[in-house]
Amino acid sequence: MIIVRLVQGSIAQITALIDSFGIPRATLLLGALGLYIAGLSAYRLFFSPLSRIPGATLSKLTVLKLRFDALTGRMGHAAHSDYYKHGDIYTLAPNIVVLSNPSDCRTVLSTHRFAKSHMYEAFALIDDTIFTTRSPDLVHTRRKQVGPAFTHGYLAEMEPVIIECGISAIRQKWDQMISRSDRGAVEINYAGHFSLATFDIIGALGYGQRFNALHNDQAQIISWVNRYNTLAMLKFTFGDPERLPNRILFRSLLKSKAEFVAFGNAAAQTRRDQLAQGLAKRPKDILQALIDGEDPDSKIKMTPLQITAENIGFLIAGTDTTSLTLSWTIHYLMLYPRVYNKAVTEVRTAFPPAADHTISYAEAKASLPYVEACIYESMRIQAVSGVPLPRIVPKGGATFQGYFLPEGTQIGVNIAGANHHKDTWESPREFIPERFIDNEKLKQNVLTFSSGVRICPGRNLANYEMMTILANILKDYDLENPRDALFTPDNLDVHGNPNTMPCTQNLTIAPKYPDRDCRVIIRRAPKC
């Protein structure tokens, strides 16, 4: 009580002093606020430990530009352009520094010392997963539990499903469309078809059932995924969606999440019931791998809810990234006819067009190095995970490019910047798949799947999907731009390279106007 009275007395004395000057209190408060803002601005621009680091003045002063870019889907574009403006290190916000040098990026990603930021926790809507967790111990355990599902041996056994729901479904869809055309050719939206096909693949592997999203041109599970992502972004912005008033505002999204979780739980329980009843053949898929997976040291298995959470995580991470990489690859092949023709020649020389043969992953990997190089170059030049990955500087701070970053500083690992780094890549703005031929070491510099302790566990599955789909499309179909295409080989930018379609960013870097820009004319390749 004594302390309270002293504080009250001090406030009264300050108020009386202010009144004695005859200046309105509101004016004095505004003046004090102005002095505070001026002082804070001066500190951030001239005295902060980060003040010497390159970057836009507005970014040094406020997070407004970062938030604007995030809300308008420009973060992917900004990550790319900011590297070319500012180089290996720059300020993104008052306490956020971005690294673009590949060596620095690997240093951060190679160890758990640089922990993930709290942003990832927004995506733990059910339970912690290998993607959302900030715990090194949980990452270590999860990798041992889920790792076997993504080995080449296990993937080879899953390949029939990958083929069935991927290229076989695409081929059936496209052939039906062509058969209904009197010209023997038809315009398709490849971005939409790739998205539906990859949902079908991961859905079949993760839930043990066929969704036929590509055949039906839609699927309930896609709506669940999109609404789940929206809920995660709202959680990041507004806090726990289960608390009032969020629970009321986000009621529809929460209902959708509950339906999604119930569906995942039911799929896993159905599989357990089938196994208990003596299922004739134990399936080889992601769902079974999650059910069976255990830490070989502790013998710990995942709980049913953890399995559902990881399965949803794989579905989200394994569809957009794969389908978008395929979409960007087709886009670049249409912009660079020389590259397209070279890839087609390689495929059709090794595998002449024939309806009765589907190129497997092993065949593509062994015989189609240029097709693989096209995928790598697509992942480099337009990484779908191209926004800076947020990490936290550990205790004791860290030094990059000669600048000391105090502990607690947030680091953005700029995948787009590293994939365009001028000291690593010759002519980084140009689409040149040849750079990867007979150069396995250079492939390791493509950081699209991240690197180090947090490298994407599903990267091998993505490669199976992309190689089988792209190789067989180039074998079986001729592709060309429609006459009204806006982005063509002759539409050049200031650097003399073809302009690319605009992109937008939510969790991944996607075409901004896929219905307009992701169109090609397809026809069946002539039989040899």
Protein backbone atom coordinates (compact mmCIF):
# COMPACT_ATOMS: atom_id res chain seq x y z
CA MET A 1 0.00 0.00 0.00
CA ILE A 2 2.89 2.35 0.79
CA ILE A 3 4.40 1.80 -2.67
CA VAL A 4 1.02 2.38 -4.35
CA ARG A 5 0.55 5.67 -2.46
CA LEU A 6 4.06 6.82 -3.42
CA VAL A 7 3.37 6.07 -7.10
CA GLN A 8 0.01 7.83 -6.93
CA GLY A 9 1.69 10.82 -5.31
CA SER A 10 4.40 10.93 -8.00
CA ILE A 11 1.80 10.82 -10.77
CA ALA A 12 -0.12 13.64 -9.10
CA GLN A 13 3.05 15.74 -8.86
CA ILE A 14 3.91 15.14 -12.54
CA THR A 15 0.35 16.03 -13.55
CA ALA A 16 0.47 19.25 -11.52
CA LEU A 17 3.82 20.14 -13.14
CA ILE A 18 2.41 19.60 -16.62
CA ASP A 19 -0.62 21.75 -15.79
CA SER A 20 1.64 24.56 -14.57
CA PHE A 21 3.01 25.03 -18.11
CA GLY A 22 -0.45 25.72 -19.45
CA ILE A 23 0.01 23.20 -22.30
CA PRO A 24 -2.82 20.73 -23.04
CA ARG A 25 -2.04 17.26 -21.81
CA ALA A 26 -2.92 15.72 -25.18
CA THR A 27 -0.30 17.91 -26.88
CA LEU A 28 2.34 16.89 -24.36
CA LEU A 29 1.47 13.23 -24.78
CA LEU A 30 1.74 13.54 -28.56
CA GLY A 31 5.06 15.29 -28.14
CA ALA A 32 6.32 12.56 -25.83
CA LEU A 33 5.18 9.92 -28.32
CA GLY A 34 6.98 11.78 -31.10
CA LEU A 35 10.17 11.92 -29.06
CA TYR A 36 9.89 8.20 -28.33
CA ILE A 37 9.42 7.36 -32.02
CA ALA A 38 12.31 9.66 -32.99
CA GLY A 39 14.56 8.11 -30.37
CA LEU A 40 13.62 4.56 -31.37
CA SER A 41 14.18 5.40 -35.04
CA ALA A 42 17.56 6.93 -34.30
CA TYR A 43 18.55 3.85 -32.31
CA ARG A 44 17.50 1.45 -35.06
CA LEU A 45 19.18 3.46 -37.81
CA PHE A 46 22.44 4.43 -36.07
CA PHE A 47 23.05 2.66 -32.74
CA SER A 48 21.47 -0.81 -32.93
CA PRO A 49 23.90 -3.74 -33.29
CA LEU A 50 22.15 -4.39 -36.62
CA SER A 51 22.27 -0.79 -37.88
CA ARG A 52 25.38 -1.30 -40.05
CA ILE A 53 23.87 -4.22 -41.96
CA PRO A 54 22.63 -3.35 -45.48
CA GLY A 55 18.92 -3.09 -46.11
CA ALA A 56 16.10 -0.71 -46.92
CA THR A 57 15.62 2.14 -44.46
CA LEU A 58 11.94 1.27 -43.99
CA SER A 59 12.87 -2.33 -43.11
CA LYS A 60 15.30 -1.12 -40.45
CA LEU A 61 12.59 1.04 -38.90
CA THR A 62 9.48 -1.15 -38.95
CA VAL A 63 8.00 -4.57 -39.73
CA LEU A 64 5.31 -2.94 -41.92
CA LYS A 65 6.99 -3.82 -45.25
CA LEU A 66 7.44 -7.45 -44.17
CA ARG A 67 3.81 -7.72 -43.08
CA PHE A 68 2.62 -6.05 -46.26
CA ASP A 69 4.62 -8.47 -48.40
CA ALA A 70 3.27 -11.41 -46.38
CA LEU A 71 -0.35 -10.28 -46.66
CA THR A 72 -0.12 -9.54 -50.40
CA GLY A 73 1.76 -12.72 -51.31
CA ARG A 74 4.94 -10.87 -52.29
CA MET A 75 7.40 -12.51 -49.90
CA GLY A 76 8.69 -14.91 -52.55
CA HIS A 77 9.27 -12.11 -55.05
CA ALA A 78 10.87 -9.96 -52.36
CA ALA A 79 13.27 -12.73 -51.28
CA HIS A 80 14.47 -12.98 -54.86
CA SER A 81 14.74 -9.26 -55.62
CA ASP A 82 16.17 -8.29 -52.21
CA TYR A 83 19.15 -10.60 -52.75
CA TYR A 84 19.99 -8.81 -56.00
CA LYS A 85 19.58 -5.43 -54.25
CA HIS A 86 21.41 -6.09 -50.99
CA GLY A 87 23.59 -9.17 -51.44
CA ASP A 88 24.64 -11.80 -48.90
CA ILE A 89 23.15 -10.20 -45.79
CA TYR A 90 20.49 -7.57 -45.24
CA THR A 91 17.87 -6.35 -42.77
CA LEU A 92 14.29 -7.47 -43.35
CA ALA A 93 12.80 -5.92 -40.19
CA PRO A 94 14.21 -4.27 -37.04
CA ASN A 95 15.19 -7.62 -35.48
CA ILE A 96 15.26 -9.83 -38.57
CA VAL A 97 18.37 -10.35 -40.70
CA VAL A 98 18.37 -12.36 -43.94
CA LEU A 99 21.28 -14.53 -45.11
CA SER A 100 21.71 -15.40 -48.80
CA ASN A 101 25.25 -16.77 -48.93
CA PRO A 102 24.98 -20.58 -49.40
CA SER A 103 27.77 -21.22 -46.88
CA ASP A 104 26.04 -19.09 -44.24
CA CYS A 105 22.70 -20.76 -44.98
CA ARG A 106 24.25 -24.20 -44.45
CA THR A 107 25.86 -23.07 -41.21
CA VAL A 108 22.45 -22.12 -39.83
CA LEU A 109 20.62 -25.17 -41.17
CA SER A 110 23.29 -27.71 -40.20
CA THR A 111 22.68 -27.52 -36.47
CA HIS A 112 19.84 -27.34 -33.96
CA ARG A 113 21.66 -24.47 -32.21
CA PHE A 114 19.82 -22.11 -34.55
CA ALA A 115 16.32 -23.08 -33.42
CA LYS A 116 13.22 -22.61 -35.51
CA SER A 117 11.28 -19.48 -34.68
CA HIS A 118 7.95 -19.58 -32.85
CA MET A 119 6.21 -19.02 -36.20
CA TYR A 120 6.28 -22.78 -36.85
CA GLU A 121 4.17 -23.46 -33.76
CA ALA A 122 1.20 -21.89 -35.54
CA PHE A 123 1.05 -24.96 -37.77
CA ALA A 124 0.81 -27.38 -34.84
CA LEU A 125 -2.98 -27.36 -34.92
CA ILE A 126 -3.23 -30.98 -33.78
CA ASP A 127 0.09 -32.01 -32.29
CA ASP A 128 3.76 -31.28 -32.81
CA THR A 129 5.17 -32.74 -36.02
CA ILE A 130 8.59 -33.10 -37.59
CA PHE A 131 7.85 -29.84 -39.44
CA THR A 132 6.40 -27.73 -36.61
CA THR A 133 8.45 -28.80 -33.60
CA ARG A 134 11.25 -26.65 -32.20
CA SER A 135 12.56 -29.56 -30.12
CA PRO A 136 15.75 -31.22 -31.43
CA ASP A 137 14.93 -34.36 -29.45
CA LEU A 138 11.54 -34.73 -31.11
CA VAL A 139 13.07 -34.16 -34.55
CA HIS A 140 15.63 -36.88 -33.83
CA THR A 141 12.92 -39.31 -32.71
CA ARG A 142 10.58 -38.52 -35.59
CA ARG A 143 13.29 -39.01 -38.19
CA LYS A 144 13.89 -42.50 -36.87
CA GLN A 145 10.15 -43.20 -36.76
CA VAL A 146 9.19 -41.91 -40.22
CA GLY A 147 12.52 -42.16 -42.02
CA PRO A 148 12.02 -45.74 -43.29
CA ALA A 149 8.97 -44.61 -45.29
CA PHE A 150 11.15 -42.48 -47.56
CA THR A 151 14.07 -44.77 -48.27
CA HIS A 152 14.55 -45.76 -51.91
CA GLY A 153 13.80 -49.39 -51.07
CA TYR A 154 10.42 -48.56 -49.51
CA LEU A 155 9.60 -46.02 -52.24
CA ALA A 156 10.28 -48.62 -54.92
CA GLU A 157 7.54 -50.75 -53.35
CA MET A 158 5.20 -47.73 -53.31
CA GLU A 159 5.98 -46.84 -56.92
CA PRO A 160 3.00 -48.72 -58.44
CA VAL A 161 0.67 -46.40 -56.50
CA ILE A 162 2.76 -43.35 -57.45
CA ILE A 163 2.49 -44.37 -61.11
CA GLU A 164 -1.22 -45.25 -60.92
CA CYS A 165 -2.32 -42.02 -59.24
CA GLY A 166 0.27 -39.85 -60.99
CA ILE A 167 1.25 -40.24 -64.62
CA SER A 168 -1.28 -42.99 -65.42
CA ALA A 169 -4.15 -40.83 -64.18
CA ILE A 170 -2.79 -37.79 -66.02
CA ARG A 171 -2.42 -39.83 -69.23
CA GLN A 172 -5.99 -41.12 -68.93
CA LYS A 173 -7.32 -37.61 -68.31
CA TRP A 174 -5.43 -36.04 -71.20
CA ASP A 175 -6.19 -38.85 -73.65
CA GLN A 176 -9.91 -38.55 -72.92
CA MET A 177 -9.76 -34.80 -73.51
CA ILE A 178 -7.82 -35.26 -76.78
CA SER A 179 -10.26 -37.93 -77.99
CA ARG A 180 -13.13 -35.47 -77.66
CA SER A 181 -11.32 -32.89 -79.79
CA ASP A 182 -11.71 -32.91 -83.59
CA ARG A 183 -8.25 -31.34 -83.92
CA GLY A 184 -6.39 -34.09 -82.05
CA ALA A 185 -5.16 -31.43 -79.65
CA VAL A 186 -6.56 -29.74 -76.56
CA GLU A 187 -5.66 -26.95 -74.16
CA ILE A 188 -5.07 -28.00 -70.57
CA ASN A 189 -4.24 -26.25 -67.30
CA TYR A 190 -1.20 -28.21 -66.16
CA ALA A 191 -0.98 -26.51 -62.77
CA GLY A 192 -4.47 -27.68 -61.82
CA HIS A 193 -3.89 -31.20 -63.08
CA PHE A 194 -0.53 -31.57 -61.33
CA SER A 195 -2.07 -30.34 -58.08
CA LEU A 196 -4.92 -32.87 -58.22
CA ALA A 197 -2.62 -35.73 -59.23
CA THR A 198 -0.16 -35.14 -56.39
CA PHE A 199 -3.07 -34.94 -53.93
CA ASP A 200 -4.21 -38.31 -55.25
CA ILE A 201 -0.73 -39.79 -54.79
CA ILE A 202 -0.19 -38.60 -51.23
CA GLY A 203 -3.82 -39.31 -50.36
CA ALA A 204 -3.53 -42.91 -51.53
CA LEU A 205 -0.20 -43.43 -49.75
CA GLY A 206 -1.21 -41.65 -46.55
CA TYR A 207 -4.84 -42.71 -46.18
CA GLY A 208 -5.00 -46.03 -48.01
CA GLN A 209 -7.80 -45.05 -50.35
CA ARG A 210 -8.31 -43.53 -53.78
CA PHE A 211 -9.70 -40.00 -53.92
CA ASN A 212 -9.75 -39.68 -57.73
CA ALA A 213 -9.38 -35.91 -57.42
CA LEU A 214 -7.93 -35.60 -60.92
CA HIS A 215 -10.68 -37.69 -62.47
CA ASN A 216 -13.40 -35.71 -60.67
CA ASP A 217 -11.64 -32.33 -60.95
CA GLN A 218 -12.11 -31.80 -57.22
CA ALA A 219 -11.84 -33.46 -53.82
CA GLN A 220 -13.10 -32.79 -50.32
CA ILE A 221 -9.63 -33.39 -48.94
CA ILE A 222 -8.24 -30.45 -50.96
CA SER A 223 -10.80 -28.17 -49.32
CA TRP A 224 -9.75 -29.50 -45.91
CA VAL A 225 -6.08 -28.85 -46.65
CA ASN A 226 -6.71 -25.30 -47.89
CA ARG A 227 -8.85 -24.42 -44.88
CA TYR A 228 -6.31 -26.04 -42.54
CA ASN A 229 -3.59 -23.79 -43.97
CA THR A 230 -5.82 -20.74 -43.60
CA LEU A 231 -6.48 -21.60 -39.96
CA ALA A 232 -2.74 -21.94 -39.32
CA MET A 233 -2.06 -18.50 -40.81
CA LEU A 234 -4.85 -16.99 -38.69
CA LYS A 235 -3.39 -18.68 -35.62
CA PHE A 236 -0.02 -17.09 -36.38
CA THR A 237 -1.66 -13.67 -36.75
CA PHE A 238 -4.38 -13.71 -34.06
CA GLY A 239 -3.36 -16.41 -31.59
CA ASP A 240 -5.00 -19.63 -30.44
CA PRO A 241 -8.13 -20.20 -32.57
CA GLU A 242 -9.76 -22.20 -29.75
CA ARG A 243 -9.93 -19.17 -27.46
CA LEU A 244 -12.71 -16.63 -27.46
CA PRO A 245 -13.51 -14.63 -29.52
CA ASN A 246 -11.45 -16.56 -32.13
CA ARG A 247 -13.51 -19.70 -31.52
CA ILE A 248 -16.60 -17.84 -32.73
CA LEU A 249 -14.89 -16.01 -35.60
CA PHE A 250 -13.18 -19.14 -36.94
CA ARG A 251 -16.03 -21.59 -36.20
CA SER A 252 -16.28 -22.81 -39.79
CA LEU A 253 -12.53 -23.39 -40.10
CA LEU A 254 -12.41 -25.21 -36.77
CA LYS A 255 -15.28 -27.45 -37.88
CA SER A 256 -13.39 -28.24 -41.08
CA LYS A 257 -10.24 -29.04 -39.09
CA ALA A 258 -12.20 -31.40 -36.83
CA GLU A 259 -13.62 -33.20 -39.88
CA PHE A 260 -10.11 -33.53 -41.35
CA VAL A 261 -8.71 -34.94 -38.11
CA ALA A 262 -11.62 -37.37 -37.73
CA PHE A 263 -11.08 -38.55 -41.29
CA GLY A 264 -7.37 -39.16 -40.63
CA ASN A 265 -8.07 -40.96 -37.35
CA ALA A 266 -10.66 -43.17 -39.05
CA ALA A 267 -8.26 -44.07 -41.88
CA ALA A 268 -5.60 -45.18 -39.41
CA GLN A 269 -8.11 -47.11 -37.29
CA THR A 270 -9.50 -48.87 -40.36
CA ARG A 271 -6.00 -50.00 -41.26
CA ARG A 272 -5.40 -51.30 -37.70
CA ASP A 273 -8.71 -53.19 -37.82
CA GLN A 274 -7.77 -54.74 -41.16
CA LEU A 275 -4.41 -55.87 -39.77
CA ALA A 276 -6.08 -57.30 -36.66
CA GLN A 277 -8.46 -59.26 -38.88
CA GLY A 278 -5.55 -60.81 -40.75
CA LEU A 279 -5.21 -58.58 -43.81
CA ALA A 280 -3.82 -60.83 -46.53
CA LYS A 281 -0.98 -58.52 -47.53
CA ARG A 282 0.56 -55.82 -45.37
CA PRO A 283 0.37 -52.63 -47.46
CA LYS A 284 3.48 -50.66 -48.38
CA ASP A 285 2.50 -47.03 -47.99
CA ILE A 286 3.05 -43.99 -45.77
CA LEU A 287 0.12 -44.82 -43.50
CA GLN A 288 1.52 -48.26 -42.72
CA ALA A 289 5.00 -46.84 -42.23
CA LEU A 290 3.64 -44.35 -39.69
CA ILE A 291 1.72 -47.07 -37.84
CA ASP A 292 4.73 -49.39 -37.75
CA GLY A 293 7.41 -46.75 -37.26
CA GLU A 294 9.29 -46.73 -33.98
CA ASP A 295 12.44 -45.29 -32.50
CA PRO A 296 14.86 -48.25 -32.66
CA ASP A 297 16.49 -47.16 -29.39
CA SER A 298 13.50 -46.33 -27.21
CA LYS A 299 10.98 -48.52 -29.10
CA ILE A 300 8.55 -45.61 -28.89
CA LYS A 301 5.79 -45.53 -31.49
CA MET A 302 3.61 -42.60 -32.43
CA THR A 303 0.18 -42.18 -30.85
CA PRO A 304 -2.90 -42.20 -33.13
CA LEU A 305 -3.15 -38.39 -32.91
CA GLN A 306 0.54 -37.99 -33.74
CA ILE A 307 0.11 -40.24 -36.78
CA THR A 308 -2.79 -38.10 -37.99
CA ALA A 309 -0.81 -34.90 -37.40
CA GLU A 310 2.24 -36.19 -39.32
CA ASN A 311 0.04 -37.51 -42.12
CA ILE A 312 -1.62 -34.13 -42.58
CA GLY A 313 1.81 -32.51 -42.53
CA PHE A 314 3.06 -34.82 -45.27
CA LEU A 315 -0.09 -34.21 -47.30
CA ILE A 316 0.35 -30.43 -47.09
CA ALA A 317 4.11 -30.42 -47.66
CA GLY A 318 4.12 -33.18 -50.26
CA THR A 319 1.51 -31.87 -52.66
CA ASP A 320 2.12 -28.16 -53.26
CA THR A 321 5.90 -28.48 -53.40
CA THR A 322 5.83 -31.32 -55.94
CA SER A 323 3.01 -30.04 -58.14
CA LEU A 324 4.37 -26.49 -58.17
CA THR A 325 7.87 -27.63 -59.10
CA LEU A 326 6.38 -29.56 -62.01
CA SER A 327 4.35 -26.49 -63.01
CA TRP A 328 7.36 -24.19 -62.96
CA THR A 329 9.38 -26.77 -64.92
CA ILE A 330 6.78 -26.95 -67.71
CA HIS A 331 6.60 -23.15 -67.73
CA TYR A 332 10.37 -22.83 -68.21
CA LEU A 333 10.41 -25.54 -70.88
CA MET A 334 7.84 -23.50 -72.80
CA LEU A 335 9.97 -20.37 -72.40
CA TYR A 336 13.16 -22.09 -73.56
CA PRO A 337 12.41 -24.11 -76.75
CA ARG A 338 16.03 -25.24 -77.03
CA VAL A 339 15.81 -26.86 -73.60
CA TYR A 340 12.40 -28.39 -74.33
CA ASN A 341 13.55 -29.91 -77.61
CA LYS A 342 16.72 -31.29 -76.02
CA ALA A 343 14.73 -32.90 -73.18
CA VAL A 344 12.20 -34.41 -75.60
CA THR A 345 14.97 -35.79 -77.79
CA GLU A 346 16.67 -37.40 -74.79
CA VAL A 347 13.45 -39.08 -73.62
CA ARG A 348 12.26 -40.30 -77.01
CA THR A 349 15.70 -41.60 -77.98
CA ALA A 350 15.83 -43.76 -74.86
CA PHE A 351 12.09 -44.54 -74.76
CA PRO A 352 10.29 -44.21 -78.11
CA PRO A 353 6.65 -43.11 -77.68
CA ALA A 354 4.48 -46.11 -77.01
CA ALA A 355 1.29 -46.40 -75.00
CA ASP A 356 2.27 -49.69 -73.45
CA HIS A 357 5.34 -48.52 -71.56
CA THR A 358 5.60 -46.23 -68.55
CA ILE A 359 9.05 -44.96 -67.63
CA SER A 360 9.85 -45.91 -64.04
CA TYR A 361 11.87 -43.81 -61.64
CA ALA A 362 14.87 -46.15 -61.91
CA GLU A 363 14.76 -45.97 -65.71
CA ALA A 364 14.46 -42.20 -65.70
CA LYS A 365 17.25 -41.80 -63.17
CA ALA A 366 19.57 -44.07 -65.18
CA SER A 367 18.79 -42.85 -68.69
CA LEU A 368 17.50 -39.26 -68.51
CA PRO A 369 20.13 -37.02 -66.88
CA TYR A 370 18.98 -33.97 -68.84
CA VAL A 371 15.37 -34.34 -67.71
CA GLU A 372 16.59 -34.58 -64.13
CA ALA A 373 18.76 -31.51 -64.73
CA CYS A 374 15.67 -29.60 -65.91
CA ILE A 375 13.95 -30.38 -62.60
CA TYR A 376 17.00 -29.29 -60.61
CA GLU A 377 17.27 -26.08 -62.60
CA SER A 378 13.58 -25.38 -62.04
CA MET A 379 14.00 -25.92 -58.28
CA ARG A 380 17.00 -23.59 -58.35
CA ILE A 381 15.69 -20.72 -60.41
CA GLN A 382 12.19 -20.71 -58.87
CA ALA A 383 12.32 -22.54 -55.54
CA VAL A 384 8.77 -23.17 -54.35
CA SER A 385 10.07 -22.90 -50.77
CA GLY A 386 11.73 -19.62 -51.68
CA VAL A 387 10.72 -17.49 -48.68
CA PRO A 388 13.29 -16.98 -45.89
CA LEU A 389 13.19 -19.82 -43.34
CA PRO A 390 13.13 -18.21 -39.85
CA ARG A 391 15.69 -19.27 -37.23
CA ILE A 392 16.89 -17.74 -33.94
CA VAL A 393 20.50 -16.78 -33.11
CA PRO A 394 21.61 -18.86 -30.11
CA LYS A 395 23.17 -17.75 -26.83
CA GLY A 396 26.45 -15.94 -27.37
CA GLY A 397 25.41 -14.52 -30.73
CA ALA A 398 26.85 -15.28 -34.15
CA THR A 399 28.86 -13.50 -36.84
CA PHE A 400 28.01 -13.59 -40.55
CA GLN A 401 29.69 -11.61 -43.34
CA GLY A 402 31.60 -9.65 -40.69
CA TYR A 403 28.48 -8.53 -38.80
CA PHE A 404 27.79 -9.67 -35.24
CA LEU A 405 24.21 -10.72 -34.56
CA PRO A 406 23.21 -10.73 -30.86
CA GLU A 407 21.43 -13.75 -29.41
CA GLY A 408 17.70 -13.67 -30.01
CA THR A 409 18.05 -12.03 -33.41
CA GLN A 410 15.84 -13.73 -35.97
CA ILE A 411 17.61 -15.01 -39.07
CA GLY A 412 15.88 -15.60 -42.38
CA VAL A 413 17.63 -18.26 -44.47
CA ASN A 414 17.01 -16.99 -47.99
CA ILE A 415 16.61 -20.07 -50.17
CA ALA A 416 15.85 -17.95 -53.25
CA GLY A 417 18.96 -15.84 -52.66
CA ALA A 418 21.22 -18.87 -52.13
CA ASN A 419 19.85 -20.48 -55.29
CA HIS A 420 20.79 -17.35 -57.26
CA HIS A 421 24.09 -16.60 -55.53
CA LYS A 422 26.42 -15.03 -58.08
CA ASP A 423 29.55 -16.74 -56.77
CA THR A 424 27.91 -20.17 -56.99
CA TRP A 425 25.86 -19.97 -60.17
CA GLU A 426 27.00 -18.72 -63.57
CA SER A 427 24.29 -16.59 -65.23
CA PRO A 428 21.92 -17.24 -62.29
CA ARG A 429 18.91 -15.54 -63.93
CA GLU A 430 19.04 -17.87 -66.94
CA PHE A 431 17.48 -21.34 -67.18
CA ILE A 432 20.48 -23.59 -67.98
CA PRO A 433 19.95 -27.26 -67.06
CA GLU A 434 23.34 -28.15 -68.57
CA ARG A 435 25.03 -26.79 -65.46
CA PHE A 436 23.97 -29.96 -63.58
CA ILE A 437 25.14 -32.54 -66.10
CA ASP A 438 27.93 -34.65 -64.55
CA ASN A 439 28.03 -32.28 -61.59
CA GLU A 440 26.56 -33.99 -58.53
CA LYS A 441 28.29 -31.52 -56.21
CA LEU A 442 26.45 -28.59 -57.77
CA LYS A 443 23.12 -30.33 -57.15
CA GLN A 444 23.91 -30.16 -53.44
CA ASN A 445 23.94 -26.36 -53.69
CA VAL A 446 20.23 -26.33 -54.56
CA LEU A 447 18.70 -25.65 -51.14
CA THR A 448 15.04 -25.95 -52.15
CA PHE A 449 14.58 -29.01 -49.91
CA SER A 450 16.48 -27.17 -47.14
CA SER A 451 19.67 -28.72 -45.76
CA GLY A 452 21.28 -30.19 -42.68
CA VAL A 453 19.31 -31.36 -39.66
CA ARG A 454 16.02 -30.02 -41.04
CA ILE A 455 16.29 -31.28 -44.62
CA CYS A 456 12.92 -32.35 -46.05
CA PRO A 457 12.31 -36.04 -45.23
CA GLY A 458 10.00 -36.45 -48.23
CA ARG A 459 12.43 -35.23 -50.89
CA ASN A 460 12.95 -38.74 -52.32
CA LEU A 461 9.20 -39.22 -52.72
CA ALA A 462 8.98 -35.86 -54.51
CA ASN A 463 11.73 -36.97 -56.90
CA TYR A 464 9.87 -40.20 -57.68
CA GLU A 465 6.75 -38.24 -58.53
CA MET A 466 8.44 -35.52 -60.56
CA MET A 467 10.72 -37.79 -62.58
CA THR A 468 8.00 -40.30 -63.52
CA ILE A 469 5.44 -37.61 -64.39
CA LEU A 470 7.76 -35.32 -66.40
CA ALA A 471 9.61 -38.09 -68.25
CA ASN A 472 6.41 -39.78 -69.42
CA ILE A 473 4.73 -36.49 -70.40
CA LEU A 474 7.72 -35.62 -72.61
CA LYS A 475 7.63 -39.13 -74.10
CA ASP A 476 3.92 -39.26 -74.86
CA TYR A 477 2.85 -35.68 -75.64
CA ASP A 478 3.89 -32.69 -77.71
CA LEU A 479 3.45 -29.40 -75.87
CA GLU A 480 3.20 -25.85 -77.17
CA ASN A 481 2.09 -22.44 -75.93
CA PRO A 482 -1.41 -21.30 -76.91
CA ARG A 483 -1.54 -18.38 -79.33
CA ASP A 484 -2.76 -15.96 -76.69
CA ALA A 485 -0.05 -16.86 -74.13
CA LEU A 486 1.37 -13.77 -72.44
CA PHE A 487 4.71 -15.33 -71.52
CA THR A 488 6.63 -16.68 -74.49
CA PRO A 489 10.26 -17.06 -75.58
CA ASP A 490 10.06 -13.70 -77.37
CA ASN A 491 8.77 -11.75 -74.36
CA LEU A 492 12.12 -10.74 -72.83
CA ASP A 493 13.03 -8.94 -69.60
CA VAL A 494 15.69 -6.24 -69.16
CA HIS A 495 18.36 -8.95 -68.81
CA GLY A 496 17.50 -10.52 -72.16
CA ASN A 497 15.83 -13.60 -70.65
CA PRO A 498 12.18 -14.61 -71.13
CA ASN A 499 9.82 -12.96 -68.68
CA THR A 500 8.24 -15.47 -66.31
CA MET A 501 4.66 -15.53 -65.14
CA PRO A 502 4.01 -13.60 -61.89
CA CYS A 503 4.02 -15.55 -58.67
CA THR A 504 2.31 -15.32 -55.33
CA GLN A 505 3.20 -16.73 -51.94
CA ASN A 506 1.28 -18.30 -49.10
CA LEU A 507 3.32 -21.20 -47.76
CA THR A 508 4.86 -21.85 -51.16
CA ILE A 509 5.70 -19.90 -54.31
CA ALA A 510 2.90 -20.49 -56.83
CA PRO A 511 1.79 -19.01 -60.16
CA LYS A 512 -0.36 -15.99 -59.38
CA TYR A 513 -2.77 -16.51 -62.28
CA PRO A 514 -2.65 -20.25 -63.09
CA ASP A 515 -5.86 -20.22 -65.15
CA ARG A 516 -4.30 -17.59 -67.42
CA ASP A 517 -0.62 -18.54 -67.43
CA CYS A 518 -0.45 -22.32 -66.91
CA ARG A 519 -2.03 -23.34 -70.20
CA VAL A 520 -0.48 -25.45 -72.95
CA ILE A 521 -1.73 -27.16 -76.07
CA ILE A 522 -1.13 -30.91 -75.92
CA ARG A 523 -1.35 -33.60 -78.57
CA ARG A 524 -0.25 -37.21 -78.64
CA ALA A 525 3.34 -37.68 -79.81
CA PRO A 526 3.64 -39.58 -83.10
CA LYS A 527 4.49 -43.25 -82.65
CA CYS A 528 7.94 -44.25 -83.83
